[in-house]
C-alpha atoms as a PDB file:
ATOM      1  CA  MET A   1    -228.821  69.788  20.740  1.00  0.00           C
ATOM      2  CA  VAL A   2    -226.885  72.613  21.075  1.00  0.00           C
ATOM      3  CA  GLU A   3    -223.315  72.386  19.779  1.00  0.00           C
ATOM      4  CA  PRO A   4    -220.711  72.855  22.254  1.00  0.00           C
ATOM      5  CA  ARG A   5    -218.554  75.984  21.558  1.00  0.00           C
ATOM      6  CA  ALA A   6    -216.257  78.260  23.525  1.00  0.00           C
ATOM      7  CA  CYS A   7    -214.630  81.374  22.452  1.00  0.00           C
ATOM      8  CA  PRO A   8    -210.856  81.534  22.434  1.00  0.00           C
ATOM      9  CA  GLU A   9    -210.874  84.036  25.298  1.00  0.00           C
ATOM     10  CA  CYS A  10    -212.457  81.991  27.499  1.00  0.00           C
ATOM     11  CA  LEU A  11    -210.470  78.954  27.024  1.00  0.00           C
ATOM     12  CA  ARG A  12    -207.219  81.025  27.352  1.00  0.00           C
ATOM     13  CA  ARG A  13    -208.835  81.871  30.683  1.00  0.00           C
ATOM     14  CA  ALA A  14    -209.340  78.122  31.656  1.00  0.00           C
ATOM     15  CA  ALA A  15    -205.453  77.674  30.364  1.00  0.00           C
ATOM     16  CA  LEU A  16    -204.240  80.646  32.630  1.00  0.00           C
ATOM     17  CA  LEU A  17    -205.888  78.815  35.693  1.00  0.00           C
ATOM     18  CA  ALA A  18    -203.766  76.090  35.257  1.00  0.00           C
ATOM     19  CA  LEU A  19    -200.871  78.050  34.735  1.00  0.00           C
ATOM     20  CA  LEU A  20    -201.468  79.633  38.127  1.00  0.00           C
ATOM     21  CA  GLY A  21    -202.530  76.423  39.987  1.00  0.00           C
ATOM     22  CA  PRO A  22    -199.178  76.446  42.253  1.00  0.00           C
ATOM     23  CA  TYR A  23    -199.173  80.304  42.319  1.00  0.00           C
ATOM     24  CA  VAL A  24    -202.718  80.530  43.722  1.00  0.00           C
ATOM     25  CA  GLU A  25    -202.146  77.629  46.080  1.00  0.00           C
ATOM     26  CA  ARG A  26    -199.574  79.844  48.045  1.00  0.00           C
ATOM     27  CA  VAL A  27    -202.355  82.893  48.064  1.00  0.00           C
ATOM     28  CA  ALA A  28    -205.915  81.155  48.453  1.00  0.00           C
ATOM     29  CA  THR A  29    -206.788  80.650  52.588  1.00  0.00           C
ATOM     30  CA  GLY A  30    -209.896  80.382  54.213  1.00  0.00           C
ATOM     31  CA  GLU A  31    -209.722  84.035  55.039  1.00  0.00           C
ATOM     32  CA  PRO A  32    -212.364  86.409  53.778  1.00  0.00           C
ATOM     33  CA  GLY A  33    -211.086  87.777  50.490  1.00  0.00           C
ATOM     34  CA  SER A  34    -208.287  85.090  49.843  1.00  0.00           C
ATOM     35  CA  ARG A  35    -210.956  82.426  49.142  1.00  0.00           C
ATOM     36  CA  SER A  36    -210.398  80.579  45.776  1.00  0.00           C
ATOM     37  CA  PRO A  37    -214.047  81.402  44.977  1.00  0.00           C
ATOM     38  CA  GLU A  38    -213.528  85.291  45.534  1.00  0.00           C
ATOM     39  CA  LEU A  39    -209.985  85.147  43.909  1.00  0.00           C
ATOM     40  CA  LEU A  40    -211.775  83.587  40.949  1.00  0.00           C
ATOM     41  CA  ARG A  41    -213.875  86.848  40.455  1.00  0.00           C
ATOM     42  CA  LEU A  42    -210.582  88.784  39.223  1.00  0.00           C
ATOM     43  CA  SER A  43    -209.844  89.582  35.791  1.00  0.00           C
ATOM     44  CA  ASN A  44    -207.172  87.522  33.973  1.00  0.00           C
ATOM     45  CA  GLU A  45    -204.722  90.571  34.535  1.00  0.00           C
ATOM     46  CA  ASP A  46    -205.835  90.944  38.662  1.00  0.00           C
ATOM     47  CA  LEU A  47    -205.529  87.444  39.358  1.00  0.00           C
ATOM     48  CA  THR A  48    -202.095  86.893  37.792  1.00  0.00           C
ATOM     49  CA  GLU A  49    -200.844  90.274  39.494  1.00  0.00           C
ATOM     50  CA  VAL A  50    -202.111  89.109  43.030  1.00  0.00           C
ATOM     51  CA  ALA A  51    -201.198  85.296  42.795  1.00  0.00           C
ATOM     52  CA  ALA A  52    -197.712  85.560  40.617  1.00  0.00           C
ATOM     53  CA  PRO A  53    -196.765  89.361  40.609  1.00  0.00           C
ATOM     54  CA  LYS A  54    -192.991  88.547  39.663  1.00  0.00           C
ATOM     55  CA  VAL A  55    -194.082  86.388  36.656  1.00  0.00           C
ATOM     56  CA  ALA A  56    -197.433  87.841  35.655  1.00  0.00           C
ATOM     57  CA  THR A  57    -196.097  89.640  32.346  1.00  0.00           C
ATOM     58  CA  GLN A  58    -194.522  86.034  31.244  1.00  0.00           C
ATOM     59  CA  LEU A  59    -197.665  84.055  32.600  1.00  0.00           C
ATOM     60  CA  LEU A  60    -200.263  86.404  30.692  1.00  0.00           C
ATOM     61  CA  ALA A  61    -198.062  86.562  27.142  1.00  0.00           C
ATOM     62  CA  ARG A  62    -197.894  83.012  27.246  1.00  0.00           C
ATOM     63  CA  VAL A  63    -201.600  82.426  27.529  1.00  0.00           C
ATOM     64  CA  GLU A  64    -202.285  85.207  24.870  1.00  0.00           C
ATOM     65  CA  ALA A  65    -200.326  83.605  22.539  1.00  0.00           C
ATOM     66  CA  LEU A  66    -202.283  80.395  22.613  1.00  0.00           C
ATOM     67  CA  SER A  67    -203.864  80.079  19.002  1.00  0.00           C
ATOM     68  CA  GLU A  68    -207.461  78.857  18.311  1.00  0.00           C
ATOM     69  CA  SER A  69    -206.499  75.832  16.872  1.00  0.00           C
ATOM     70  CA  GLU A  70    -204.491  74.854  19.557  1.00  0.00           C
ATOM     71  CA  LEU A  71    -206.787  75.089  22.285  1.00  0.00           C
ATOM     72  CA  GLU A  72    -208.983  73.431  19.931  1.00  0.00           C
ATOM     73  CA  ALA A  73    -206.920  70.734  19.473  1.00  0.00           C
ATOM     74  CA  GLU A  74    -205.893  70.324  22.950  1.00  0.00           C
ATOM     75  CA  LEU A  75    -209.732  69.485  23.636  1.00  0.00           C
ATOM     76  CA  THR A  76    -210.146  67.060  20.807  1.00  0.00           C
ATOM     77  CA  ASP A  77    -206.688  65.362  21.716  1.00  0.00           C
ATOM     78  CA  ALA A  78    -208.491  64.443  25.239  1.00  0.00           C
ATOM     79  CA  CYS A  79    -211.503  63.485  23.849  1.00  0.00           C
ATOM     80  CA  CYS A  80    -213.121  66.960  25.667  1.00  0.00           C
ATOM     81  CA  TRP A  81    -215.301  69.624  24.366  1.00  0.00           C
ATOM     82  CA  ALA A  82    -215.985  72.912  25.957  1.00  0.00           C
ATOM     83  CA  CYS A  83    -218.741  75.559  26.453  1.00  0.00           C
ATOM     84  CA  CYS A  84    -218.323  79.133  27.235  1.00  0.00           C
ATOM     85  CA  ARG A  85    -220.348  81.974  29.341  1.00  0.00           C
ATOM     86  CA  HIS A  86    -221.180  83.454  25.677  1.00  0.00           C
ATOM     87  CA  GLY A  87    -222.978  80.162  24.501  1.00  0.00           C
ATOM     88  CA  ASP A  88    -226.203  78.951  24.542  1.00  0.00           C
ATOM     89  CA  LEU A  89    -224.953  75.615  26.418  1.00  0.00           C
ATOM     90  CA  TYR A  90    -223.417  77.403  29.317  1.00  0.00           C
ATOM     91  CA  PRO A  91    -225.775  76.871  32.208  1.00  0.00           C
ATOM     92  CA  ASP A  92    -228.193  79.628  32.866  1.00  0.00           C
ATOM     93  CA  SER A  93    -227.518  79.233  36.960  1.00  0.00           C
ATOM     94  CA  LEU A  94    -224.001  79.626  36.752  1.00  0.00           C
ATOM     95  CA  ARG A  95    -224.366  82.268  33.770  1.00  0.00           C
ATOM     96  CA  ASP A  96    -225.140  85.653  36.398  1.00  0.00           C
ATOM     97  CA  ALA A  97    -222.863  84.635  39.119  1.00  0.00           C
ATOM     98  CA  SER A  98    -220.089  86.915  39.900  1.00  0.00           C
ATOM     99  CA  ASP A  99    -217.377  83.982  40.403  1.00  0.00           C
ATOM    100  CA  ALA A 100    -218.951  81.956  37.634  1.00  0.00           C
ATOM    101  CA  PRO A 101    -216.343  80.019  35.194  1.00  0.00           C
ATOM    102  CA  TRP A 102    -215.451  81.636  32.119  1.00  0.00           C
ATOM    103  CA  ALA A 103    -215.695  78.047  30.454  1.00  0.00           C
ATOM    104  CA  LEU A 104    -216.619  74.707  31.186  1.00  0.00           C
ATOM    105  CA  ILE A 105    -214.683  72.177  30.079  1.00  0.00           C
ATOM    106  CA  GLY A 106    -216.635  68.615  29.578  1.00  0.00           C
ATOM    107  CA  ARG A 107    -215.901  65.027  28.680  1.00  0.00           C
ATOM    108  CA  GLY A 108    -219.233  62.730  27.910  1.00  0.00           C
ATOM    109  CA  ASN A 109    -222.622  64.137  27.006  1.00  0.00           C
ATOM    110  CA  PRO A 110    -223.227  67.499  26.429  1.00  0.00           C
ATOM    111  CA  GLY A 111    -226.724  67.070  26.179  1.00  0.00           C
ATOM    112  CA  LEU A 112    -226.712  66.321  29.806  1.00  0.00           C
ATOM    113  CA  LEU A 113    -225.433  69.603  30.335  1.00  0.00           C
ATOM    114  CA  GLU A 114    -228.362  71.232  28.569  1.00  0.00           C
ATOM    115  CA  ALA A 115    -230.718  69.630  30.519  1.00  0.00           C
ATOM    116  CA  VAL A 116    -229.485  70.878  33.589  1.00  0.00           C
ATOM    117  CA  GLU A 117    -232.163  73.218  35.405  1.00  0.00           C
ATOM    118  CA  PRO A 118    -232.331  73.873  39.016  1.00  0.00           C
ATOM    119  CA  PHE A 119    -235.366  72.234  40.102  1.00  0.00           C
ATOM    120  CA  GLY A 120    -234.414  69.210  38.135  1.00  0.00           C
ATOM    121  CA  THR A 121    -230.835  68.714  39.679  1.00  0.00           C
ATOM    122  CA  VAL A 122    -229.625  68.046  43.077  1.00  0.00           C
ATOM    123  CA  THR A 123    -226.183  68.316  44.303  1.00  0.00           C
ATOM    124  CA  ILE A 124    -225.054  65.768  47.095  1.00  0.00           C
ATOM    125  CA  VAL A 125    -222.103  66.314  48.586  1.00  0.00           C
ATOM    126  CA  GLY A 126    -220.451  65.260  52.317  1.00  0.00           C
ATOM    127  CA  ALA A 127    -217.258  63.858  53.978  1.00  0.00           C
ATOM    128  CA  ARG A 128    -214.320  61.754  52.240  1.00  0.00           C
ATOM    129  CA  ARG A 129    -213.880  59.803  55.670  1.00  0.00           C
ATOM    130  CA  ALA A 130    -217.610  58.704  55.640  1.00  0.00           C
ATOM    131  CA  THR A 131    -218.976  56.180  57.910  1.00  0.00           C
ATOM    132  CA  SER A 132    -220.888  53.240  56.482  1.00  0.00           C
ATOM    133  CA  TYR A 133    -224.352  54.607  57.302  1.00  0.00           C
ATOM    134  CA  GLY A 134    -223.328  57.907  55.482  1.00  0.00           C
ATOM    135  CA  ARG A 135    -222.509  56.164  52.389  1.00  0.00           C
ATOM    136  CA  GLU A 136    -225.408  54.145  52.340  1.00  0.00           C
ATOM    137  CA  ILE A 137    -227.374  56.957  52.761  1.00  0.00           C
ATOM    138  CA  SER A 138    -225.619  58.860  50.170  1.00  0.00           C
ATOM    139  CA  ARG A 139    -225.862  55.939  47.369  1.00  0.00           C
ATOM    140  CA  GLU A 140    -229.643  55.403  48.131  1.00  0.00           C
ATOM    141  CA  LEU A 141    -230.404  59.080  47.847  1.00  0.00           C
ATOM    142  CA  GLY A 142    -228.684  58.918  44.466  1.00  0.00           C
ATOM    143  CA  ARG A 143    -230.320  56.206  43.348  1.00  0.00           C
ATOM    144  CA  GLU A 144    -233.840  57.601  44.508  1.00  0.00           C
ATOM    145  CA  LEU A 145    -233.435  61.013  42.991  1.00  0.00           C
ATOM    146  CA  ALA A 146    -231.896  59.608  39.629  1.00  0.00           C
ATOM    147  CA  SER A 147    -235.118  57.291  39.646  1.00  0.00           C
ATOM    148  CA  ALA A 148    -237.358  60.381  39.771  1.00  0.00           C
ATOM    149  CA  GLY A 149    -235.777  61.591  36.959  1.00  0.00           C
ATOM    150  CA  MET A 150    -233.259  64.157  38.645  1.00  0.00           C
ATOM    151  CA  ILE A 151    -229.647  64.784  37.792  1.00  0.00           C
ATOM    152  CA  VAL A 152    -227.569  63.963  40.368  1.00  0.00           C
ATOM    153  CA  VAL A 153    -224.181  66.514  40.630  1.00  0.00           C
ATOM    154  CA  SER A 154    -221.344  65.729  42.809  1.00  0.00           C
ATOM    155  CA  GLY A 155    -217.539  65.621  42.859  1.00  0.00           C
ATOM    156  CA  LEU A 156    -216.231  62.180  42.481  1.00  0.00           C
ATOM    157  CA  ALA A 157    -214.456  62.231  45.729  1.00  0.00           C
ATOM    158  CA  PHE A 158    -214.106  59.566  48.166  1.00  0.00           C
ATOM    159  CA  GLY A 159    -216.805  58.656  50.773  1.00  0.00           C
ATOM    160  CA  ILE A 160    -220.366  60.487  49.695  1.00  0.00           C
ATOM    161  CA  ASP A 161    -219.471  61.922  46.657  1.00  0.00           C
ATOM    162  CA  GLY A 162    -218.480  58.920  45.080  1.00  0.00           C
ATOM    163  CA  CYS A 163    -221.630  56.963  46.749  1.00  0.00           C
ATOM    164  CA  ALA A 164    -223.926  59.321  45.372  1.00  0.00           C
ATOM    165  CA  HIS A 165    -222.789  58.960  41.501  1.00  0.00           C
ATOM    166  CA  ARG A 166    -222.933  55.069  42.329  1.00  0.00           C
ATOM    167  CA  GLY A 167    -226.371  55.226  43.137  1.00  0.00           C
ATOM    168  CA  ALA A 168    -227.687  57.490  40.451  1.00  0.00           C
ATOM    169  CA  LEU A 169    -225.927  54.962  37.919  1.00  0.00           C
ATOM    170  CA  ASP A 170    -227.662  51.939  39.754  1.00  0.00           C
ATOM    171  CA  ALA A 171    -230.614  53.476  38.800  1.00  0.00           C
ATOM    172  CA  ASP A 172    -229.398  53.967  35.020  1.00  0.00           C
ATOM    173  CA  GLY A 173    -229.865  57.650  35.916  1.00  0.00           C
ATOM    174  CA  ARG A 174    -228.142  60.826  35.145  1.00  0.00           C
ATOM    175  CA  THR A 175    -225.168  62.456  36.824  1.00  0.00           C
ATOM    176  CA  ILE A 176    -222.531  64.755  36.472  1.00  0.00           C
ATOM    177  CA  ALA A 177    -219.348  64.838  37.982  1.00  0.00           C
ATOM    178  CA  VAL A 178    -217.096  68.047  38.622  1.00  0.00           C
ATOM    179  CA  LEU A 179    -213.442  67.907  39.525  1.00  0.00           C
ATOM    180  CA  GLY A 180    -211.147  70.311  40.631  1.00  0.00           C
ATOM    181  CA  CYS A 181    -208.959  69.184  38.140  1.00  0.00           C
ATOM    182  CA  GLY A 182    -208.560  68.331  34.254  1.00  0.00           C
ATOM    183  CA  PRO A 183    -211.986  66.899  33.175  1.00  0.00           C
ATOM    184  CA  ASP A 184    -209.542  64.171  31.604  1.00  0.00           C
ATOM    185  CA  ASN A 185    -207.985  63.513  34.697  1.00  0.00           C
ATOM    186  CA  ALA A 186    -209.571  60.698  37.158  1.00  0.00           C
ATOM    187  CA  TYR A 187    -209.118  62.243  40.438  1.00  0.00           C
ATOM    188  CA  PRO A 188    -208.583  60.248  42.845  1.00  0.00           C
ATOM    189  CA  ALA A 189    -207.050  57.575  40.740  1.00  0.00           C
ATOM    190  CA  ALA A 190    -208.817  54.855  42.670  1.00  0.00           C
ATOM    191  CA  HIS A 191    -211.968  56.356  41.147  1.00  0.00           C
ATOM    192  CA  ARG A 192    -210.883  55.691  37.702  1.00  0.00           C
ATOM    193  CA  SER A 193    -213.555  53.136  36.754  1.00  0.00           C
ATOM    194  CA  LEU A 194    -216.125  55.566  38.403  1.00  0.00           C
ATOM    195  CA  TRP A 195    -214.842  58.213  36.206  1.00  0.00           C
ATOM    196  CA  ARG A 196    -214.829  56.457  33.129  1.00  0.00           C
ATOM    197  CA  ARG A 197    -218.442  54.986  33.544  1.00  0.00           C
ATOM    198  CA  ILE A 198    -219.754  58.625  34.171  1.00  0.00           C
ATOM    199  CA  SER A 199    -217.918  60.279  31.091  1.00  0.00           C
ATOM    200  CA  GLU A 200    -219.276  56.984  29.080  1.00  0.00           C
ATOM    201  CA  VAL A 201    -223.320  57.337  30.162  1.00  0.00           C
ATOM    202  CA  GLY A 202    -223.021  60.807  32.080  1.00  0.00           C
ATOM    203  CA  LEU A 203    -220.849  64.082  32.164  1.00  0.00           C
ATOM    204  CA  VAL A 204    -217.477  65.232  33.966  1.00  0.00           C
ATOM    205  CA  ILE A 205    -216.742  68.812  33.704  1.00  0.00           C
ATOM    206  CA  SER A 206    -214.313  71.286  35.277  1.00  0.00           C
ATOM    207  CA  GLU A 207    -213.065  74.864  34.473  1.00  0.00           C
ATOM    208  CA  PHE A 208    -209.703  73.678  34.152  1.00  0.00           C
ATOM    209  CA  PRO A 209    -208.468  72.700  30.644  1.00  0.00           C
ATOM    210  CA  PRO A 210    -207.121  68.693  29.887  1.00  0.00           C
ATOM    211  CA  GLY A 211    -204.128  67.923  31.773  1.00  0.00           C
ATOM    212  CA  ALA A 212    -204.873  70.340  34.840  1.00  0.00           C
ATOM    213  CA  GLN A 213    -203.589  68.877  38.017  1.00  0.00           C
ATOM    214  CA  PRO A 214    -205.561  69.506  41.351  1.00  0.00           C
ATOM    215  CA  TRP A 215    -204.651  71.612  44.283  1.00  0.00           C
ATOM    216  CA  LYS A 216    -206.066  72.435  47.505  1.00  0.00           C
ATOM    217  CA  TRP A 217    -207.881  75.435  46.381  1.00  0.00           C
ATOM    218  CA  THR A 218    -209.259  73.983  43.405  1.00  0.00           C
ATOM    219  CA  PHE A 219    -211.538  71.985  45.311  1.00  0.00           C
ATOM    220  CA  PRO A 220    -213.360  74.726  47.106  1.00  0.00           C
ATOM    221  CA  ALA A 221    -213.581  76.425  43.793  1.00  0.00           C
ATOM    222  CA  ARG A 222    -215.119  73.695  42.204  1.00  0.00           C
ATOM    223  CA  ASN A 223    -217.672  73.414  45.155  1.00  0.00           C
ATOM    224  CA  ARG A 224    -219.377  76.852  43.807  1.00  0.00           C
ATOM    225  CA  ILE A 225    -219.886  75.346  40.768  1.00  0.00           C
ATOM    226  CA  MET A 226    -221.519  72.146  42.090  1.00  0.00           C
ATOM    227  CA  ALA A 227    -224.047  74.357  44.123  1.00  0.00           C
ATOM    228  CA  ALA A 228    -224.953  76.857  41.179  1.00  0.00           C
ATOM    229  CA  LEU A 229    -225.878  73.769  38.964  1.00  0.00           C
ATOM    230  CA  ALA A 230    -228.389  72.578  41.537  1.00  0.00           C
ATOM    231  CA  GLY A 231    -231.769  73.894  43.205  1.00  0.00           C
ATOM    232  CA  MET A 232    -230.620  72.133  46.561  1.00  0.00           C
ATOM    233  CA  THR A 233    -227.567  70.934  47.831  1.00  0.00           C
ATOM    234  CA  VAL A 234    -227.573  67.955  50.290  1.00  0.00           C
ATOM    235  CA  VAL A 235    -225.037  67.436  52.681  1.00  0.00           C
ATOM    236  CA  VAL A 236    -225.222  64.100  54.085  1.00  0.00           C
ATOM    237  CA  GLU A 237    -222.317  63.634  56.510  1.00  0.00           C
ATOM    238  CA  ALA A 238    -219.558  66.256  57.210  1.00  0.00           C
ATOM    239  CA  ALA A 239    -217.183  67.614  59.927  1.00  0.00           C
ATOM    240  CA  ALA A 240    -218.135  70.914  61.794  1.00  0.00           C
ATOM    241  CA  ARG A 241    -215.219  72.694  59.966  1.00  0.00           C
ATOM    242  CA  SER A 242    -216.773  71.863  56.412  1.00  0.00           C
ATOM    243  CA  ALA A 243    -219.039  74.717  57.515  1.00  0.00           C
ATOM    244  CA  ARG A 244    -216.784  77.774  57.472  1.00  0.00           C
END
């Protein structure tokens, strides 16, 4: 198995995103040019200047001052590991994307990330307020796909996402949860037991460092990771506005 490693530069990027959380919240919208995945294509300097111009210098200096040992200790203390775009463990399906995360922070089995390949991975997403029928279909899809040897990717959210993970676990299959917060943060809190089980037998990943809190903008941001990991994305049930 490839040993998970991330360079300090990419880990500092993750730390910067956590610091910028409340600032990006104010500037990220659904309008072209201001969507969170588009903002995340920017360099550290440009992103900080766009999101937090009044404190840009201070935030960049704070992140730059983080030593490699401090960054690694943060991961170890949270029972996490990291890989970055410069390493072999980083998924090829993400590597060439213009808005790809610089680093992925993981909690769980890094070998599962190594096993990700588009035609063997399916992302299942959908409404949080799903119907009972939608939840049933999602769980069955997760179970059947995992039974066939596929890796099931979803976002641990209420409704469709949680059911897809549970279906994969029902089949003793492989599942990856992609979070819009630090991978050590069970979000939503009501899914703590599901998060714990996936951490133990599957994999939880994020582009945000341990301790990072979720914001509204981090969820569409994490969606791009889920879509890129898989060769197919199945939307089980969603509101019309989700297509925007």
